[in-house]
Amino acid sequence: MRRASTPRSRRWAWRRSRPPKVREWLVTNGVLPADLVTRNRQVAEAALRPWSPAFTHGDLQIAHVFVDGDKITGIIDWSEVMPCSTSPP
């Protein structure tokens, strides 16, 4: 059964509140070095941060942009389009 759509930031909120004890246990018991636990947490926070989806052209060059005076009237060759985020890292 599929779960109802919940914003990513809310889905992972419970994990943000729990990890300090888990991280502390991992380091205190010698399971993982502290720097590795810290780095993994930073990577996870970056990957799970809220983001605003957008698309980027991927091959924007003067030959792909149509203008009429000072107005852009069209952009062609969207074969290399890719998703990106408008949110700051």
C-alpha atoms as a PDB file:
ATOM      1  CA  MET A   1       0.000   0.000   0.000  1.00  0.00           C
ATOM      2  CA  ARG A   2       1.369   3.381  -0.952  1.00  0.00           C
ATOM      3  CA  ARG A   3       1.714   6.067   1.688  1.00  0.00           C
ATOM      4  CA  ALA A   4       0.002   9.412   1.212  1.00  0.00           C
ATOM      5  CA  SER A   5       2.239  12.085  -0.210  1.00  0.00           C
ATOM      6  CA  THR A   6       3.937  13.933   2.644  1.00  0.00           C
ATOM      7  CA  PRO A   7       6.534  16.660   2.176  1.00  0.00           C
ATOM      8  CA  ARG A   8      10.057  15.288   2.458  1.00  0.00           C
ATOM      9  CA  SER A   9      10.901  17.602   5.354  1.00  0.00           C
ATOM     10  CA  ARG A  10       8.017  16.204   7.432  1.00  0.00           C
ATOM     11  CA  ARG A  11       8.664  12.571   6.464  1.00  0.00           C
ATOM     12  CA  TRP A  12      12.194  12.749   7.846  1.00  0.00           C
ATOM     13  CA  ALA A  13      11.451  14.966  10.848  1.00  0.00           C
ATOM     14  CA  TRP A  14      11.309  12.015  13.254  1.00  0.00           C
ATOM     15  CA  ARG A  15      14.822  11.003  12.198  1.00  0.00           C
ATOM     16  CA  ARG A  16      16.179  14.465  12.956  1.00  0.00           C
ATOM     17  CA  SER A  17      14.943  14.251  16.537  1.00  0.00           C
ATOM     18  CA  ARG A  18      16.341  10.774  17.237  1.00  0.00           C
ATOM     19  CA  PRO A  19      19.885  10.563  15.806  1.00  0.00           C
ATOM     20  CA  PRO A  20      21.900  12.283  18.548  1.00  0.00           C
ATOM     21  CA  LYS A  21      21.436   9.228  20.789  1.00  0.00           C
ATOM     22  CA  VAL A  22      22.186   6.877  17.917  1.00  0.00           C
ATOM     23  CA  ARG A  23      25.289   8.846  16.893  1.00  0.00           C
ATOM     24  CA  GLU A  24      26.459   9.001  20.493  1.00  0.00           C
ATOM     25  CA  TRP A  25      26.028   5.234  20.887  1.00  0.00           C
ATOM     26  CA  LEU A  26      27.888   4.508  17.629  1.00  0.00           C
ATOM     27  CA  VAL A  27      30.864   6.635  18.684  1.00  0.00           C
ATOM     28  CA  THR A  28      30.886   5.707  22.405  1.00  0.00           C
ATOM     29  CA  ASN A  29      30.829   1.991  21.645  1.00  0.00           C
ATOM     30  CA  GLY A  30      33.542   2.254  19.011  1.00  0.00           C
ATOM     31  CA  VAL A  31      31.278   1.093  16.197  1.00  0.00           C
ATOM     32  CA  LEU A  32      32.207   4.049  13.975  1.00  0.00           C
ATOM     33  CA  PRO A  33      34.701   6.911  14.247  1.00  0.00           C
ATOM     34  CA  ALA A  34      33.191  10.273  15.204  1.00  0.00           C
ATOM     35  CA  ASP A  35      34.374  12.044  12.039  1.00  0.00           C
ATOM     36  CA  LEU A  36      32.671   9.424   9.852  1.00  0.00           C
ATOM     37  CA  VAL A  37      29.395   9.707  11.760  1.00  0.00           C
ATOM     38  CA  THR A  38      29.525  13.511  11.506  1.00  0.00           C
ATOM     39  CA  ARG A  39      30.302  13.439   7.773  1.00  0.00           C
ATOM     40  CA  ASN A  40      27.533  10.911   7.045  1.00  0.00           C
ATOM     41  CA  ARG A  41      25.068  13.130   8.898  1.00  0.00           C
ATOM     42  CA  GLN A  42      26.122  16.155   6.824  1.00  0.00           C
ATOM     43  CA  VAL A  43      25.670  14.197   3.593  1.00  0.00           C
ATOM     44  CA  ALA A  44      22.242  12.954   4.704  1.00  0.00           C
ATOM     45  CA  GLU A  45      21.085  16.451   5.675  1.00  0.00           C
ATOM     46  CA  ALA A  46      22.187  17.821   2.300  1.00  0.00           C
ATOM     47  CA  ALA A  47      20.440  15.021   0.421  1.00  0.00           C
ATOM     48  CA  LEU A  48      17.221  15.304   2.418  1.00  0.00           C
ATOM     49  CA  ARG A  49      16.984  19.098   2.587  1.00  0.00           C
ATOM     50  CA  PRO A  50      13.776  20.613   1.253  1.00  0.00           C
ATOM     51  CA  TRP A  51      14.185  21.716  -2.343  1.00  0.00           C
ATOM     52  CA  SER A  52      12.232  23.489  -5.038  1.00  0.00           C
ATOM     53  CA  PRO A  53      12.305  21.444  -8.241  1.00  0.00           C
ATOM     54  CA  ALA A  54      13.146  23.144 -11.526  1.00  0.00           C
ATOM     55  CA  PHE A  55      14.686  22.253 -14.884  1.00  0.00           C
ATOM     56  CA  THR A  56      17.905  23.480 -16.393  1.00  0.00           C
ATOM     57  CA  HIS A  57      18.664  23.530 -20.108  1.00  0.00           C
ATOM     58  CA  GLY A  58      22.019  21.772 -19.924  1.00  0.00           C
ATOM     59  CA  ASP A  59      23.404  23.175 -23.210  1.00  0.00           C
ATOM     60  CA  LEU A  60      22.484  26.847 -23.273  1.00  0.00           C
ATOM     61  CA  GLN A  61      24.456  28.701 -25.914  1.00  0.00           C
ATOM     62  CA  ILE A  62      23.778  31.647 -28.208  1.00  0.00           C
ATOM     63  CA  ALA A  63      22.804  29.347 -31.109  1.00  0.00           C
ATOM     64  CA  HIS A  64      19.931  27.936 -29.022  1.00  0.00           C
ATOM     65  CA  VAL A  65      18.409  31.278 -28.028  1.00  0.00           C
ATOM     66  CA  PHE A  66      16.054  33.227 -30.320  1.00  0.00           C
ATOM     67  CA  VAL A  67      15.727  36.953 -29.719  1.00  0.00           C
ATOM     68  CA  ASP A  68      13.649  39.763 -31.164  1.00  0.00           C
ATOM     69  CA  GLY A  69      15.315  43.022 -30.195  1.00  0.00           C
ATOM     70  CA  ASP A  70      15.866  42.829 -26.435  1.00  0.00           C
ATOM     71  CA  LYS A  71      13.310  40.040 -25.857  1.00  0.00           C
ATOM     72  CA  ILE A  72      14.021  36.332 -25.714  1.00  0.00           C
ATOM     73  CA  THR A  73      11.385  34.705 -27.916  1.00  0.00           C
ATOM     74  CA  GLY A  74      12.462  31.086 -27.756  1.00  0.00           C
ATOM     75  CA  ILE A  75      14.994  28.523 -26.628  1.00  0.00           C
ATOM     76  CA  ILE A  76      15.601  25.332 -28.600  1.00  0.00           C
ATOM     77  CA  ASP A  77      17.430  22.008 -28.144  1.00  0.00           C
ATOM     78  CA  TRP A  78      16.154  20.737 -24.818  1.00  0.00           C
ATOM     79  CA  SER A  79      17.752  17.304 -25.339  1.00  0.00           C
ATOM     80  CA  GLU A  80      20.056  17.782 -22.328  1.00  0.00           C
ATOM     81  CA  VAL A  81      17.454  19.069 -19.882  1.00  0.00           C
ATOM     82  CA  MET A  82      17.954  17.932 -16.293  1.00  0.00           C
ATOM     83  CA  PRO A  83      16.282  18.480 -12.935  1.00  0.00           C
ATOM     84  CA  CYS A  84      17.848  20.920 -10.505  1.00  0.00           C
ATOM     85  CA  SER A  85      16.926  22.845  -7.382  1.00  0.00           C
ATOM     86  CA  THR A  86      16.281  26.544  -6.976  1.00  0.00           C
ATOM     87  CA  SER A  87      16.969  26.259  -3.240  1.00  0.00           C
ATOM     88  CA  PRO A  88      20.397  27.309  -1.967  1.00  0.00           C
ATOM     89  CA  PRO A  89      22.663  24.408  -0.936  1.00  0.00           C
END
